[in-house]
């Protein structure tokens, strides 16, 4: 019987400054980061339940055993935290919210929160957009990964859903990746842009998954997918 020799290999980015290691994506495994993120996730779920009476409807619609994209409206910093809290803890280190690189990956405190606590993927909104899209595509090629996207592009400054940008359609059209429409209710009131968290009730409604593999890739399909997902998110709120 042969015995394989176990060999320890250091992380490839070990020689880099710590902040640069956090900016990198994909990041090297880090057990300390995993431990901090896990403890923070448990504390966050308790806080959402106690302070915001957080409720999730439709959790059974989350796909199992494959990669998918959570697509939601965006009115608050609470949105990402709510979506992450709706996922099983077993997917914690494989769930990646797309975060604006020019906002969350510039100052050290924001970098630490984005990379360590929520495992964010830095997404360029103004330059290098194609590289960011390609990073998202590669991420979804690995079964079990979850990407969190807000197709409005930025937080709303007033209640209500803004038009979805076609980037989400370019990511999904012609690819065997499911998109799960989600509607967040109450997050704008609970933590508006420029304000602080308030004890308001928050609700997350998760809709049925949708696929767009049959569509040809291109601008028209991208616009069609974005419009379809926007309608699906709106419909989760019921009749106007």
Protein backbone atom coordinates (compact mmCIF):
# COMPACT_ATOMS: atom_id res chain seq x y z
CA UNK A 1 0.00 0.00 0.00
CA UNK A 2 1.47 3.33 -1.05
CA UNK A 3 1.27 6.39 1.13
CA UNK A 4 0.98 9.78 -0.53
CA UNK A 5 3.27 12.49 0.81
CA UNK A 6 1.35 15.47 2.14
CA UNK A 7 2.91 18.79 1.24
CA UNK A 8 1.95 22.18 2.65
CA UNK A 9 1.88 25.02 0.14
CA UNK A 10 1.64 28.63 1.24
CA UNK A 11 -0.94 30.96 -0.30
CA UNK A 12 0.15 32.51 -3.57
CA UNK A 13 -0.48 36.04 -2.30
CA UNK A 14 1.27 35.63 1.06
CA UNK A 15 4.01 38.12 0.19
CA UNK A 16 1.54 40.87 -0.70
CA UNK A 17 0.39 43.56 1.78
CA UNK A 18 -2.76 42.49 3.62
CA UNK A 19 -4.97 45.16 2.01
CA UNK A 20 -3.85 44.09 -1.46
CA UNK A 21 -4.66 40.48 -0.59
CA UNK A 22 -8.19 41.55 0.27
CA UNK A 23 -8.50 43.53 -2.97
CA UNK A 24 -7.55 40.49 -5.04
CA UNK A 25 -10.24 38.33 -6.59
CA UNK A 26 -10.56 35.42 -6.48
CA UNK A 27 -8.99 35.39 -3.03
CA UNK A 28 -6.78 32.71 -1.56
CA UNK A 29 -8.42 30.59 1.19
CA UNK A 30 -7.89 32.08 4.64
CA UNK A 31 -9.15 30.17 7.68
CA UNK A 32 -9.07 33.25 9.91
CA UNK A 33 -11.23 35.18 7.43
CA UNK A 34 -13.61 32.22 7.18
CA UNK A 35 -13.97 32.11 10.97
CA UNK A 36 -14.62 35.86 11.25
CA UNK A 37 -17.12 35.74 8.39
CA UNK A 38 -18.99 32.80 9.92
CA UNK A 39 -19.29 34.47 13.33
CA UNK A 40 -20.36 37.74 11.70
CA UNK A 41 -23.02 35.92 9.65
CA UNK A 42 -24.55 34.38 12.76
CA UNK A 43 -24.57 37.72 14.58
CA UNK A 44 -26.04 39.44 11.52
CA UNK A 45 -28.91 36.97 11.27
CA UNK A 46 -29.78 37.49 14.91
CA UNK A 47 -29.63 41.28 14.49
CA UNK A 48 -31.87 41.26 11.40
CA UNK A 49 -34.41 39.08 13.17
CA UNK A 50 -34.44 41.13 16.38
CA UNK A 51 -34.03 44.68 15.05
CA UNK A 52 -35.82 44.42 11.69
CA UNK A 53 -38.13 41.43 12.24
CA UNK A 54 -36.60 40.03 9.06
CA UNK A 55 -38.80 37.57 7.16
CA UNK A 56 -37.98 35.41 4.14
CA UNK A 57 -40.73 34.14 1.83
CA UNK A 58 -40.01 31.56 -0.88
CA UNK A 59 -36.72 30.16 0.38
CA UNK A 60 -37.69 26.86 -1.27
CA UNK A 61 -37.13 28.53 -4.67
CA UNK A 62 -33.37 28.64 -4.15
CA UNK A 63 -31.69 26.16 -6.53
CA UNK A 64 -29.69 23.31 -5.01
CA UNK A 65 -26.48 21.80 -6.34
CA UNK A 66 -25.73 24.37 -9.03
CA UNK A 67 -24.60 27.94 -9.48
CA UNK A 68 -27.17 30.72 -9.78
CA UNK A 69 -27.64 34.49 -9.62
CA UNK A 70 -29.77 36.27 -7.05
CA UNK A 71 -31.27 39.37 -8.72
CA UNK A 72 -32.87 42.01 -6.51
CA UNK A 73 -33.92 45.63 -6.20
CA UNK A 74 -31.46 47.91 -4.42
CA UNK A 75 -32.48 50.57 -1.91
CA UNK A 76 -30.09 50.10 0.99
CA UNK A 77 -26.85 48.63 2.33
CA UNK A 78 -29.18 46.19 4.09
CA UNK A 79 -30.01 44.51 0.78
CA UNK A 80 -26.79 42.52 0.53
CA UNK A 81 -26.98 41.49 4.18
CA UNK A 82 -30.56 40.27 3.76
CA UNK A 83 -29.78 38.24 0.64
CA UNK A 84 -26.78 36.61 2.32
CA UNK A 85 -28.86 35.82 5.39
CA UNK A 86 -31.45 34.01 3.25
CA UNK A 87 -28.82 31.55 1.98
CA UNK A 88 -27.79 28.40 3.86
CA UNK A 89 -24.74 28.87 6.06
CA UNK A 90 -23.05 26.09 4.08
CA UNK A 91 -22.83 28.43 1.07
CA UNK A 92 -21.43 31.35 3.07
CA UNK A 93 -17.95 31.30 1.53
CA UNK A 94 -19.28 30.61 -1.98
CA UNK A 95 -21.73 33.51 -2.13
CA UNK A 96 -20.32 36.64 -3.79
CA UNK A 97 -22.16 39.98 -3.80
CA UNK A 98 -21.03 42.20 -6.67
CA UNK A 99 -19.88 45.43 -5.00
CA UNK A 100 -18.90 48.71 -6.66
CA UNK A 101 -15.10 48.71 -6.82
CA UNK A 102 -14.94 52.51 -6.78
CA UNK A 103 -16.87 52.63 -3.49
CA UNK A 104 -16.16 49.49 -1.46
CA UNK A 105 -12.54 48.83 -2.49
CA UNK A 106 -10.93 52.22 -1.98
CA UNK A 107 -10.75 52.88 1.80
CA UNK A 108 -9.34 50.29 4.20
CA UNK A 109 -12.45 50.00 6.44
CA UNK A 110 -14.72 49.42 3.44
CA UNK A 111 -12.29 46.94 1.90
CA UNK A 112 -12.26 44.96 5.15
CA UNK A 113 -16.05 44.90 5.41
CA UNK A 114 -16.50 44.02 1.73
CA UNK A 115 -13.83 41.31 1.51
CA UNK A 116 -13.90 39.77 4.99
CA UNK A 117 -17.48 40.12 6.20
CA UNK A 118 -19.50 39.76 2.98
CA UNK A 119 -17.01 38.16 0.55
CA UNK A 120 -17.74 40.76 -2.13
CA UNK A 121 -16.60 40.60 -5.72
CA UNK A 122 -15.17 43.99 -6.82
CA UNK A 123 -17.18 45.12 -9.84
CA UNK A 124 -15.98 48.06 -11.96
CA UNK A 125 -18.89 50.32 -12.92
CA UNK A 126 -17.02 52.88 -15.05
CA UNK A 127 -13.89 51.23 -16.47
CA UNK A 128 -12.87 47.59 -17.01
CA UNK A 129 -16.54 46.57 -17.11
CA UNK A 130 -15.86 43.72 -19.54
CA UNK A 131 -13.24 42.29 -17.20
CA UNK A 132 -15.74 42.40 -14.35
CA UNK A 133 -18.38 40.65 -16.45
CA UNK A 134 -15.89 37.95 -17.43
CA UNK A 135 -15.03 37.47 -13.76
CA UNK A 136 -18.73 36.91 -13.03
CA UNK A 137 -19.02 34.39 -15.88
CA UNK A 138 -16.03 32.39 -14.65
CA UNK A 139 -17.42 32.41 -11.13
CA UNK A 140 -20.72 30.91 -12.33
CA UNK A 141 -18.96 28.15 -14.25
CA UNK A 142 -18.15 26.44 -10.94
CA UNK A 143 -21.18 24.54 -9.56
CA UNK A 144 -22.34 25.76 -6.16
CA UNK A 145 -21.31 29.40 -6.46
CA UNK A 146 -23.89 32.13 -5.88
CA UNK A 147 -23.63 35.62 -7.36
CA UNK A 148 -25.65 38.50 -5.89
CA UNK A 149 -26.48 41.29 -8.34
CA UNK A 150 -28.46 44.52 -8.24
CA UNK A 151 -29.24 45.36 -11.89
CA UNK A 152 -30.39 48.91 -11.06
CA UNK A 153 -26.67 49.67 -10.73
CA UNK A 154 -26.80 51.75 -7.57
CA UNK A 155 -28.89 52.30 -4.45
CA UNK A 156 -32.19 54.09 -4.97
CA UNK A 157 -32.65 57.57 -3.54
CA UNK A 158 -36.43 57.08 -3.25
CA UNK A 159 -38.72 54.08 -2.72
CA UNK A 160 -39.53 52.10 -5.84
CA UNK A 161 -37.83 50.01 -8.50
CA UNK A 162 -35.55 51.66 -11.07
CA UNK A 163 -35.02 50.24 -14.62
CA UNK A 164 -32.67 47.26 -14.83
CA UNK A 165 -29.50 47.77 -16.85
CA UNK A 166 -28.83 45.28 -19.69
CA UNK A 167 -25.59 44.01 -18.14
CA UNK A 168 -27.54 41.32 -16.28
CA UNK A 169 -28.94 40.18 -19.61
CA UNK A 170 -25.51 40.03 -21.22
CA UNK A 171 -24.39 37.78 -18.35
CA UNK A 172 -27.32 35.35 -18.62
CA UNK A 173 -28.47 35.21 -22.26
CA UNK A 174 -27.35 32.03 -24.00
CA UNK A 175 -25.87 30.50 -20.83
CA UNK A 176 -27.12 27.68 -18.67
CA UNK A 177 -27.30 29.75 -15.49
CA UNK A 178 -30.44 30.29 -13.45
CA UNK A 179 -31.51 33.72 -12.22
CA UNK A 180 -33.65 34.00 -9.09
CA UNK A 181 -35.69 37.23 -8.90
CA UNK A 182 -35.97 38.70 -5.39
CA UNK A 183 -37.94 41.60 -3.97
CA UNK A 184 -36.72 43.39 -0.85
CA UNK A 185 -39.37 45.32 1.04
CA UNK A 186 -38.66 47.83 3.79
CA UNK A 187 -34.89 48.10 3.41
CA UNK A 188 -35.05 51.66 2.07
CA UNK A 189 -37.04 52.76 5.10
CA UNK A 190 -34.85 50.72 7.45
CA UNK A 191 -31.54 52.12 6.19
CA UNK A 192 -31.89 54.84 3.52
CA UNK A 193 -28.93 56.14 1.55
CA UNK A 194 -27.02 58.64 3.68
CA UNK A 195 -28.85 57.61 6.85
CA UNK A 196 -28.49 55.12 9.70
CA UNK A 197 -30.29 51.83 10.47
CA UNK A 198 -33.78 52.21 11.92
CA UNK A 199 -36.01 49.58 13.56
CA UNK A 200 -38.24 49.00 10.54
CA UNK A 201 -39.62 45.67 9.37
CA UNK A 202 -37.82 44.06 6.42
CA UNK A 203 -39.10 41.32 4.13
CA UNK A 204 -37.47 39.32 1.33
CA UNK A 205 -39.61 37.55 -1.28
CA UNK A 206 -37.79 34.97 -3.42
CA UNK A 207 -39.37 34.09 -6.75
CA UNK A 208 -39.08 31.04 -9.01
CA UNK A 209 -35.81 30.62 -10.93
CA UNK A 210 -35.65 31.65 -14.58
CA UNK A 211 -33.31 30.49 -17.32
CA UNK A 212 -32.28 32.16 -20.58
CA UNK A 213 -30.04 29.53 -22.18
CA UNK A 214 -32.29 29.33 -25.27
CA UNK A 215 -31.78 32.98 -26.18
CA UNK A 216 -29.02 33.98 -28.61
CA UNK A 217 -26.29 36.12 -27.16
CA UNK A 218 -26.40 39.75 -28.18
CA UNK A 219 -27.68 43.20 -27.34
CA UNK A 220 -31.34 42.47 -28.08
CA UNK A 221 -31.36 39.41 -25.85
CA UNK A 222 -29.56 41.30 -23.08
CA UNK A 223 -32.26 43.99 -23.14
CA UNK A 224 -34.99 41.33 -23.21
CA UNK A 225 -33.56 39.45 -20.21
CA UNK A 226 -33.14 42.64 -18.18
CA UNK A 227 -36.75 43.65 -18.88
CA UNK A 228 -38.04 40.18 -18.04
CA UNK A 229 -36.22 40.09 -14.70
CA UNK A 230 -37.37 43.60 -13.84
CA UNK A 231 -40.97 42.52 -14.47
CA UNK A 232 -40.45 39.37 -12.40
CA UNK A 233 -39.15 41.38 -9.44
CA UNK A 234 -42.02 43.86 -9.72
CA UNK A 235 -44.55 41.02 -9.85
CA UNK A 236 -43.34 39.66 -6.50
CA UNK A 237 -44.88 42.74 -4.89
CA UNK A 238 -48.36 41.72 -6.05
CA UNK A 239 -50.88 43.99 -7.79
CA UNK A 240 -50.05 47.68 -7.64
